[in-house]
C-alpha cells in the first residue's frame, strides 16, 4: 500500500493488526531472512517475519495450519508492507 493512497484516503486502514488462521503454513529462510508462506481465504501469501522466536519455531515446526498475527509495517520506500509479527 502506498503512503499516498493512505494519506489521500483512497485506502482506509481500519486496523494495523490481524489475527488469522491459515492453511498450508510453511516457514523457511531465504537469503538469511525469515519467511512465512501460507494460504488465507484461498489466496497464497509469502511474507517476511519479525517474530523473535522464528528460529525456535522453525526448528520444532511440524504442522500445516496455524495462527498468525499479521501487521502493517512502517513506511519503507513509500509503501507499507504486510509482515508476520507473531507465529502462534
PDB file of N, CA and C in Angstrom:
ATOM      1  N   UNK A   1       0.835  -1.175   0.000  1.00  0.00           N
ATOM      2  CA  UNK A   1       0.000   0.000   0.000  1.00  0.00           C
ATOM      3  C   UNK A   1       0.881   1.240   0.000  1.00  0.00           C
ATOM      4  N   UNK A   2       0.605   2.106  -0.899  1.00  0.00           N
ATOM      5  CA  UNK A   2       1.436   3.302  -0.972  1.00  0.00           C
ATOM      6  C   UNK A   2       1.004   4.304   0.094  1.00  0.00           C
ATOM      7  N   UNK A   3       1.958   5.079   0.553  1.00  0.00           N
ATOM      8  CA  UNK A   3       1.673   6.120   1.541  1.00  0.00           C
ATOM      9  C   UNK A   3       0.699   7.138   0.960  1.00  0.00           C
ATOM     10  N   UNK A   4       0.857   7.444  -0.314  1.00  0.00           N
ATOM     11  CA  UNK A   4      -0.013   8.414  -0.972  1.00  0.00           C
ATOM     12  C   UNK A   4      -1.478   7.949  -0.960  1.00  0.00           C
ATOM     13  N   UNK A   5      -1.715   6.662  -1.220  1.00  0.00           N
ATOM     14  CA  UNK A   5      -3.085   6.129  -1.222  1.00  0.00           C
ATOM     15  C   UNK A   5      -3.707   6.195   0.166  1.00  0.00           C
ATOM     16  N   UNK A   6      -2.905   6.001   1.204  1.00  0.00           N
ATOM     17  CA  UNK A   6      -3.410   6.061   2.576  1.00  0.00           C
ATOM     18  C   UNK A   6      -3.706   7.511   2.970  1.00  0.00           C
ATOM     19  N   UNK A   7      -2.774   8.421   2.686  1.00  0.00           N
ATOM     20  CA  UNK A   7      -2.947   9.831   3.046  1.00  0.00           C
ATOM     21  C   UNK A   7      -4.141  10.439   2.311  1.00  0.00           C
ATOM     22  N   UNK A   8      -4.311  10.096   1.036  1.00  0.00           N
ATOM     23  CA  UNK A   8      -5.422  10.640   0.253  1.00  0.00           C
ATOM     24  C   UNK A   8      -6.746   9.936   0.564  1.00  0.00           C
ATOM     25  N   UNK A   9      -6.696   8.953   1.457  1.00  0.00           N
ATOM     26  CA  UNK A   9      -7.859   8.167   1.887  1.00  0.00           C
ATOM     27  C   UNK A   9      -8.465   7.342   0.756  1.00  0.00           C
ATOM     28  N   UNK A  10      -7.656   7.082  -0.273  1.00  0.00           N
ATOM     29  CA  UNK A  10      -8.052   6.152  -1.328  1.00  0.00           C
ATOM     30  C   UNK A  10      -8.170   4.752  -0.722  1.00  0.00           C
ATOM     31  N   UNK A  11      -7.300   4.475   0.235  1.00  0.00           N
ATOM     32  CA  UNK A  11      -7.321   3.233   1.007  1.00  0.00           C
ATOM     33  C   UNK A  11      -7.541   3.611   2.458  1.00  0.00           C
ATOM     34  N   UNK A  12      -8.494   2.956   3.104  1.00  0.00           N
ATOM     35  CA  UNK A  12      -8.762   3.194   4.512  1.00  0.00           C
ATOM     36  C   UNK A  12      -8.200   2.033   5.322  1.00  0.00           C
ATOM     37  N   UNK A  13      -7.426   2.349   6.330  1.00  0.00           N
ATOM     38  CA  UNK A  13      -6.847   1.336   7.210  1.00  0.00           C
ATOM     39  C   UNK A  13      -7.656   1.313   8.497  1.00  0.00           C
ATOM     40  N   UNK A  14      -8.468   0.266   8.671  1.00  0.00           N
ATOM     41  CA  UNK A  14      -9.311   0.148   9.857  1.00  0.00           C
ATOM     42  C   UNK A  14      -8.498  -0.285  11.072  1.00  0.00           C
ATOM     43  N   UNK A  15      -7.503  -1.132  10.840  1.00  0.00           N
ATOM     44  CA  UNK A  15      -6.632  -1.594  11.920  1.00  0.00           C
ATOM     45  C   UNK A  15      -5.332  -2.081  11.312  1.00  0.00           C
ATOM     46  N   UNK A  16      -4.281  -2.101  12.112  1.00  0.00           N
ATOM     47  CA  UNK A  16      -2.975  -2.477  11.571  1.00  0.00           C
ATOM     48  C   UNK A  16      -2.536  -3.876  11.998  1.00  0.00           C
ATOM     49  N   UNK A  17      -3.326  -4.560  12.818  1.00  0.00           N
ATOM     50  CA  UNK A  17      -3.024  -5.932  13.240  1.00  0.00           C
ATOM     51  C   UNK A  17      -4.220  -6.837  12.987  1.00  0.00           C
ATOM     52  N   UNK A  18      -3.931  -8.038  12.498  1.00  0.00           N
ATOM     53  CA  UNK A  18      -4.969  -9.050  12.301  1.00  0.00           C
ATOM     54  C   UNK A  18      -4.466 -10.379  12.819  1.00  0.00           C
ATOM     55  N   UNK A  19      -5.306 -11.112  13.529  1.00  0.00           N
ATOM     56  CA  UNK A  19      -5.011 -12.468  13.955  1.00  0.00           C
ATOM     57  C   UNK A  19      -5.811 -13.382  13.045  1.00  0.00           C
ATOM     58  N   UNK A  20      -5.111 -14.225  12.284  1.00  0.00           N
ATOM     59  CA  UNK A  20      -5.785 -15.064  11.302  1.00  0.00           C
ATOM     60  C   UNK A  20      -5.375 -16.525  11.436  1.00  0.00           C
ATOM     61  N   UNK A  21      -6.276 -17.426  11.044  1.00  0.00           N
ATOM     62  CA  UNK A  21      -5.970 -18.852  10.967  1.00  0.00           C
ATOM     63  C   UNK A  21      -5.669 -19.153   9.511  1.00  0.00           C
ATOM     64  N   UNK A  22      -4.532 -19.811   9.262  1.00  0.00           N
ATOM     65  CA  UNK A  22      -4.077 -20.049   7.895  1.00  0.00           C
ATOM     66  C   UNK A  22      -3.895 -21.536   7.619  1.00  0.00           C
ATOM     67  N   UNK A  23      -3.867 -21.863   6.343  1.00  0.00           N
ATOM     68  CA  UNK A  23      -3.599 -23.227   5.873  1.00  0.00           C
ATOM     69  C   UNK A  23      -2.292 -23.232   5.091  1.00  0.00           C
ATOM     70  N   UNK A  24      -1.800 -24.439   4.834  1.00  0.00           N
ATOM     71  CA  UNK A  24      -0.578 -24.614   4.037  1.00  0.00           C
ATOM     72  C   UNK A  24       0.571 -23.762   4.555  1.00  0.00           C
ATOM     73  N   UNK A  25       0.699 -23.714   5.863  1.00  0.00           N
ATOM     74  CA  UNK A  25       1.723 -22.888   6.507  1.00  0.00           C
ATOM     75  C   UNK A  25       3.103 -23.494   6.297  1.00  0.00           C
ATOM     76  N   UNK A  26       4.035 -22.675   5.830  1.00  0.00           N
ATOM     77  CA  UNK A  26       5.396 -23.111   5.585  1.00  0.00           C
ATOM     78  C   UNK A  26       6.352 -22.018   6.071  1.00  0.00           C
ATOM     79  N   UNK A  27       7.243 -22.382   6.979  1.00  0.00           N
ATOM     80  CA  UNK A  27       8.257 -21.460   7.492  1.00  0.00           C
ATOM     81  C   UNK A  27       9.586 -21.803   6.839  1.00  0.00           C
ATOM     82  N   UNK A  28      10.319 -20.787   6.406  1.00  0.00           N
ATOM     83  CA  UNK A  28      11.610 -21.056   5.778  1.00  0.00           C
ATOM     84  C   UNK A  28      12.494 -19.806   5.818  1.00  0.00           C
ATOM     85  N   UNK A  29      13.732 -20.003   5.442  1.00  0.00           N
ATOM     86  CA  UNK A  29      14.688 -18.900   5.361  1.00  0.00           C
ATOM     87  C   UNK A  29      15.089 -18.722   3.898  1.00  0.00           C
ATOM     88  N   UNK A  30      15.194 -17.460   3.487  1.00  0.00           N
ATOM     89  CA  UNK A  30      15.657 -17.137   2.139  1.00  0.00           C
ATOM     90  C   UNK A  30      16.652 -16.001   2.269  1.00  0.00           C
ATOM     91  N   UNK A  31      17.856 -16.233   1.809  1.00  0.00           N
ATOM     92  CA  UNK A  31      18.927 -15.235   1.924  1.00  0.00           C
ATOM     93  C   UNK A  31      19.076 -14.749   3.360  1.00  0.00           C
ATOM     94  N   UNK A  32      19.035 -15.693   4.305  1.00  0.00           N
ATOM     95  CA  UNK A  32      19.179 -15.437   5.750  1.00  0.00           C
ATOM     96  C   UNK A  32      18.038 -14.604   6.329  1.00  0.00           C
ATOM     97  N   UNK A  33      16.932 -14.484   5.605  1.00  0.00           N
ATOM     98  CA  UNK A  33      15.765 -13.749   6.104  1.00  0.00           C
ATOM     99  C   UNK A  33      14.640 -14.730   6.401  1.00  0.00           C
ATOM    100  N   UNK A  34      13.868 -14.442   7.446  1.00  0.00           N
ATOM    101  CA  UNK A  34      12.760 -15.300   7.861  1.00  0.00           C
ATOM    102  C   UNK A  34      11.550 -15.051   6.974  1.00  0.00           C
ATOM    103  N   UNK A  35      10.964 -16.122   6.443  1.00  0.00           N
ATOM    104  CA  UNK A  35       9.819 -16.012   5.541  1.00  0.00           C
ATOM    105  C   UNK A  35       8.711 -16.975   5.981  1.00  0.00           C
ATOM    106  N   UNK A  36       7.474 -16.584   5.703  1.00  0.00           N
ATOM    107  CA  UNK A  36       6.314 -17.403   6.011  1.00  0.00           C
ATOM    108  C   UNK A  36       5.437 -17.448   4.765  1.00  0.00           C
ATOM    109  N   UNK A  37       5.176 -18.651   4.297  1.00  0.00           N
ATOM    110  CA  UNK A  37       4.334 -18.887   3.134  1.00  0.00           C
ATOM    111  C   UNK A  37       3.058 -19.552   3.644  1.00  0.00           C
ATOM    112  N   UNK A  38       1.887 -19.072   3.204  1.00  0.00           N
ATOM    113  CA  UNK A  38       0.631 -19.632   3.695  1.00  0.00           C
ATOM    114  C   UNK A  38      -0.518 -19.285   2.767  1.00  0.00           C
ATOM    115  N   UNK A  39      -1.663 -19.930   3.018  1.00  0.00           N
ATOM    116  CA  UNK A  39      -2.888 -19.642   2.286  1.00  0.00           C
ATOM    117  C   UNK A  39      -3.915 -19.104   3.265  1.00  0.00           C
ATOM    118  N   UNK A  40      -4.567 -18.010   2.875  1.00  0.00           N
ATOM    119  CA  UNK A  40      -5.628 -17.418   3.684  1.00  0.00           C
ATOM    120  C   UNK A  40      -6.738 -16.971   2.743  1.00  0.00           C
ATOM    121  N   UNK A  41      -7.948 -17.446   3.005  1.00  0.00           N
ATOM    122  CA  UNK A  41      -9.103 -17.132   2.144  1.00  0.00           C
ATOM    123  C   UNK A  41      -8.810 -17.430   0.674  1.00  0.00           C
ATOM    124  N   UNK A  42      -8.202 -18.579   0.429  1.00  0.00           N
ATOM    125  CA  UNK A  42      -7.886 -19.070  -0.919  1.00  0.00           C
ATOM    126  C   UNK A  42      -6.865 -18.200  -1.661  1.00  0.00           C
ATOM    127  N   UNK A  43      -6.131 -17.354  -0.945  1.00  0.00           N
ATOM    128  CA  UNK A  43      -5.080 -16.529  -1.543  1.00  0.00           C
ATOM    129  C   UNK A  43      -3.745 -16.948  -0.923  1.00  0.00           C
ATOM    130  N   UNK A  44      -2.731 -17.156  -1.759  1.00  0.00           N
ATOM    131  CA  UNK A  44      -1.403 -17.526  -1.274  1.00  0.00           C
ATOM    132  C   UNK A  44      -0.593 -16.274  -0.964  1.00  0.00           C
ATOM    133  N   UNK A  45       0.115 -16.311   0.161  1.00  0.00           N
ATOM    134  CA  UNK A  45       0.958 -15.204   0.599  1.00  0.00           C
ATOM    135  C   UNK A  45       2.363 -15.723   0.891  1.00  0.00           C
ATOM    136  N   UNK A  46       3.338 -14.876   0.753  1.00  0.00           N
ATOM    137  CA  UNK A  46       4.718 -15.154   1.131  1.00  0.00           C
ATOM    138  C   UNK A  46       5.251 -13.858   1.738  1.00  0.00           C
ATOM    139  N   UNK A  47       5.304 -13.814   3.075  1.00  0.00           N
ATOM    140  CA  UNK A  47       5.634 -12.579   3.783  1.00  0.00           C
ATOM    141  C   UNK A  47       6.870 -12.755   4.662  1.00  0.00           C
ATOM    142  N   UNK A  48       7.580 -11.666   4.928  1.00  0.00           N
ATOM    143  CA  UNK A  48       8.680 -11.729   5.891  1.00  0.00           C
ATOM    144  C   UNK A  48       8.119 -11.839   7.306  1.00  0.00           C
ATOM    145  N   UNK A  49       8.932 -12.378   8.201  1.00  0.00           N
ATOM    146  CA  UNK A  49       8.521 -12.497   9.602  1.00  0.00           C
ATOM    147  C   UNK A  49       9.509 -11.788  10.507  1.00  0.00           C
ATOM    148  N   UNK A  50       8.952 -11.077  11.498  1.00  0.00           N
ATOM    149  CA  UNK A  50       9.778 -10.418  12.509  1.00  0.00           C
ATOM    150  C   UNK A  50       9.622 -11.080  13.876  1.00  0.00           C
ATOM    151  N   UNK A  51       8.998 -12.265  13.901  1.00  0.00           N
ATOM    152  CA  UNK A  51       8.803 -12.968  15.176  1.00  0.00           C
ATOM    153  C   UNK A  51      10.171 -13.271  15.791  1.00  0.00           C
ATOM    154  N   UNK A  52      10.433 -12.799  17.021  1.00  0.00           N
ATOM    155  CA  UNK A  52      11.745 -13.025  17.642  1.00  0.00           C
ATOM    156  C   UNK A  52      12.021 -14.498  17.946  1.00  0.00           C
ATOM    157  N   UNK A  53      10.982 -15.332  17.933  1.00  0.00           N
ATOM    158  CA  UNK A  53      11.146 -16.756  18.203  1.00  0.00           C
ATOM    159  C   UNK A  53      11.143 -17.594  16.922  1.00  0.00           C
ATOM    160  N   UNK A  54      11.311 -16.964  15.778  1.00  0.00           N
ATOM    161  CA  UNK A  54      11.209 -17.659  14.496  1.00  0.00           C
ATOM    162  C   UNK A  54      12.106 -18.894  14.430  1.00  0.00           C
ATOM    163  N   UNK A  55      13.375 -18.772  14.795  1.00  0.00           N
ATOM    164  CA  UNK A  55      14.308 -19.905  14.690  1.00  0.00           C
ATOM    165  C   UNK A  55      13.883 -21.076  15.564  1.00  0.00           C
ATOM    166  N   UNK A  56      13.406 -20.803  16.767  1.00  0.00           N
ATOM    167  CA  UNK A  56      12.938 -21.872  17.652  1.00  0.00           C
ATOM    168  C   UNK A  56      11.687 -22.529  17.083  1.00  0.00           C
ATOM    169  N   UNK A  57      10.778 -21.740  16.555  1.00  0.00           N
ATOM    170  CA  UNK A  57       9.550 -22.279  15.968  1.00  0.00           C
ATOM    171  C   UNK A  57       9.894 -23.117  14.741  1.00  0.00           C
ATOM    172  N   UNK A  58      10.793 -22.621  13.903  1.00  0.00           N
ATOM    173  CA  UNK A  58      11.204 -23.337  12.699  1.00  0.00           C
ATOM    174  C   UNK A  58      11.827 -24.687  13.044  1.00  0.00           C
ATOM    175  N   UNK A  59      12.645 -24.721  14.080  1.00  0.00           N
ATOM    176  CA  UNK A  59      13.328 -25.956  14.471  1.00  0.00           C
ATOM    177  C   UNK A  59      12.350 -27.046  14.896  1.00  0.00           C
ATOM    178  N   UNK A  60      11.250 -26.671  15.525  1.00  0.00           N
ATOM    179  CA  UNK A  60      10.294 -27.663  16.007  1.00  0.00           C
ATOM    180  C   UNK A  60       9.015 -27.731  15.203  1.00  0.00           C
ATOM    181  N   UNK A  61       8.991 -27.085  14.046  1.00  0.00           N
ATOM    182  CA  UNK A  61       7.755 -26.949  13.282  1.00  0.00           C
ATOM    183  C   UNK A  61       7.345 -28.251  12.604  1.00  0.00           C
ATOM    184  N   UNK A  62       6.040 -28.637  12.767  1.00  0.00           N
ATOM    185  CA  UNK A  62       5.539 -29.857  12.151  1.00  0.00           C
ATOM    186  C   UNK A  62       4.153 -29.709  11.539  1.00  0.00           C
ATOM    187  N   UNK A  63       3.382 -28.702  11.912  1.00  0.00           N
ATOM    188  CA  UNK A  63       2.002 -28.609  11.450  1.00  0.00           C
ATOM    189  C   UNK A  63       1.866 -27.796  10.167  1.00  0.00           C
ATOM    190  N   UNK A  64       0.708 -27.955   9.507  1.00  0.00           N
ATOM    191  CA  UNK A  64       0.471 -27.261   8.243  1.00  0.00           C
ATOM    192  C   UNK A  64      -0.629 -26.218   8.341  1.00  0.00           C
ATOM    193  N   UNK A  65      -1.189 -26.037   9.530  1.00  0.00           N
ATOM    194  CA  UNK A  65      -2.138 -24.951   9.770  1.00  0.00           C
ATOM    195  C   UNK A  65      -1.654 -24.210  11.008  1.00  0.00           C
ATOM    196  N   UNK A  66      -2.102 -22.994  11.186  1.00  0.00           N
ATOM    197  CA  UNK A  66      -1.675 -22.249  12.356  1.00  0.00           C
ATOM    198  C   UNK A  66      -2.320 -20.889  12.405  1.00  0.00           C
ATOM    199  N   UNK A  67      -1.947 -20.135  13.418  1.00  0.00           N
ATOM    200  CA  UNK A  67      -2.450 -18.777  13.595  1.00  0.00           C
ATOM    201  C   UNK A  67      -1.283 -17.806  13.470  1.00  0.00           C
ATOM    202  N   UNK A  68      -1.538 -16.701  12.788  1.00  0.00           N
ATOM    203  CA  UNK A  68      -0.517 -15.687  12.593  1.00  0.00           C
ATOM    204  C   UNK A  68      -1.064 -14.325  12.976  1.00  0.00           C
ATOM    205  N   UNK A  69      -0.205 -13.491  13.520  1.00  0.00           N
ATOM    206  CA  UNK A  69      -0.536 -12.088  13.730  1.00  0.00           C
ATOM    207  C   UNK A  69       0.134 -11.327  12.594  1.00  0.00           C
ATOM    208  N   UNK A  70      -0.707 -10.754  11.721  1.00  0.00           N
ATOM    209  CA  UNK A  70      -0.221 -10.007  10.564  1.00  0.00           C
ATOM    210  C   UNK A  70      -0.263  -8.523  10.903  1.00  0.00           C
ATOM    211  N   UNK A  71       0.834  -7.837  10.624  1.00  0.00           N
ATOM    212  CA  UNK A  71       0.949  -6.416  10.941  1.00  0.00           C
ATOM    213  C   UNK A  71       1.221  -5.622   9.666  1.00  0.00           C
ATOM    214  N   UNK A  72       0.715  -4.414   9.636  1.00  0.00           N
ATOM    215  CA  UNK A  72       1.048  -3.494   8.561  1.00  0.00           C
ATOM    216  C   UNK A  72       2.298  -2.747   9.001  1.00  0.00           C
ATOM    217  N   UNK A  73       3.388  -2.973   8.314  1.00  0.00           N
ATOM    218  CA  UNK A  73       4.674  -2.413   8.704  1.00  0.00           C
ATOM    219  C   UNK A  73       4.761  -0.912   8.511  1.00  0.00           C
ATOM    220  N   UNK A  74       5.797  -0.337   9.063  1.00  0.00           N
ATOM    221  CA  UNK A  74       6.044   1.103   8.932  1.00  0.00           C
ATOM    222  C   UNK A  74       6.424   1.438   7.491  1.00  0.00           C
ATOM    223  N   UNK A  75       6.361   2.694   7.172  1.00  0.00           N
ATOM    224  CA  UNK A  75       6.666   3.182   5.837  1.00  0.00           C
ATOM    225  C   UNK A  75       8.088   2.774   5.438  1.00  0.00           C
ATOM    226  N   UNK A  76       8.215   2.184   4.257  1.00  0.00           N
ATOM    227  CA  UNK A  76       9.505   1.772   3.715  1.00  0.00           C
ATOM    228  C   UNK A  76       9.502   2.057   2.219  1.00  0.00           C
ATOM    229  N   UNK A  77      10.327   2.986   1.794  1.00  0.00           N
ATOM    230  CA  UNK A  77      10.430   3.362   0.386  1.00  0.00           C
ATOM    231  C   UNK A  77       9.068   3.709  -0.218  1.00  0.00           C
ATOM    232  N   UNK A  78       8.270   4.467   0.535  1.00  0.00           N
ATOM    233  CA  UNK A  78       6.997   4.958   0.031  1.00  0.00           C
ATOM    234  C   UNK A  78       5.822   4.014   0.140  1.00  0.00           C
ATOM    235  N   UNK A  79       6.030   2.839   0.729  1.00  0.00           N
ATOM    236  CA  UNK A  79       4.953   1.854   0.852  1.00  0.00           C
ATOM    237  C   UNK A  79       4.931   1.237   2.250  1.00  0.00           C
ATOM    238  N   UNK A  80       3.776   0.711   2.621  1.00  0.00           N
ATOM    239  CA  UNK A  80       3.619  -0.084   3.840  1.00  0.00           C
ATOM    240  C   UNK A  80       3.429  -1.528   3.398  1.00  0.00           C
ATOM    241  N   UNK A  81       4.160  -2.443   4.018  1.00  0.00           N
ATOM    242  CA  UNK A  81       4.094  -3.848   3.640  1.00  0.00           C
ATOM    243  C   UNK A  81       3.567  -4.679   4.798  1.00  0.00           C
ATOM    244  N   UNK A  82       2.887  -5.772   4.472  1.00  0.00           N
ATOM    245  CA  UNK A  82       2.405  -6.708   5.496  1.00  0.00           C
ATOM    246  C   UNK A  82       3.581  -7.556   5.954  1.00  0.00           C
ATOM    247  N   UNK A  83       3.623  -7.830   7.263  1.00  0.00           N
ATOM    248  CA  UNK A  83       4.641  -8.718   7.831  1.00  0.00           C
ATOM    249  C   UNK A  83       3.985  -9.657   8.824  1.00  0.00           C
ATOM    250  N   UNK A  84       4.599 -10.803   9.044  1.00  0.00           N
ATOM    251  CA  UNK A  84       4.145 -11.732  10.066  1.00  0.00           C
ATOM    252  C   UNK A  84       4.861 -11.344  11.353  1.00  0.00           C
ATOM    253  N   UNK A  85       4.109 -10.748  12.278  1.00  0.00           N
ATOM    254  CA  UNK A  85       4.706 -10.282  13.530  1.00  0.00           C
ATOM    255  C   UNK A  85       4.873 -11.423  14.531  1.00  0.00           C
ATOM    256  N   UNK A  86       3.913 -12.348  14.556  1.00  0.00           N
ATOM    257  CA  UNK A  86       3.955 -13.452  15.514  1.00  0.00           C
ATOM    258  C   UNK A  86       3.395 -14.708  14.888  1.00  0.00           C
ATOM    259  N   UNK A  87       4.028 -15.838  15.178  1.00  0.00           N
ATOM    260  CA  UNK A  87       3.567 -17.150  14.739  1.00  0.00           C
ATOM    261  C   UNK A  87       3.077 -17.874  15.986  1.00  0.00           C
ATOM    262  N   UNK A  88       1.796 -18.246  15.983  1.00  0.00           N
ATOM    263  CA  UNK A  88       1.218 -18.910  17.150  1.00  0.00           C
ATOM    264  C   UNK A  88       0.944 -20.375  16.878  1.00  0.00           C
TER     265      UNK A  88
END
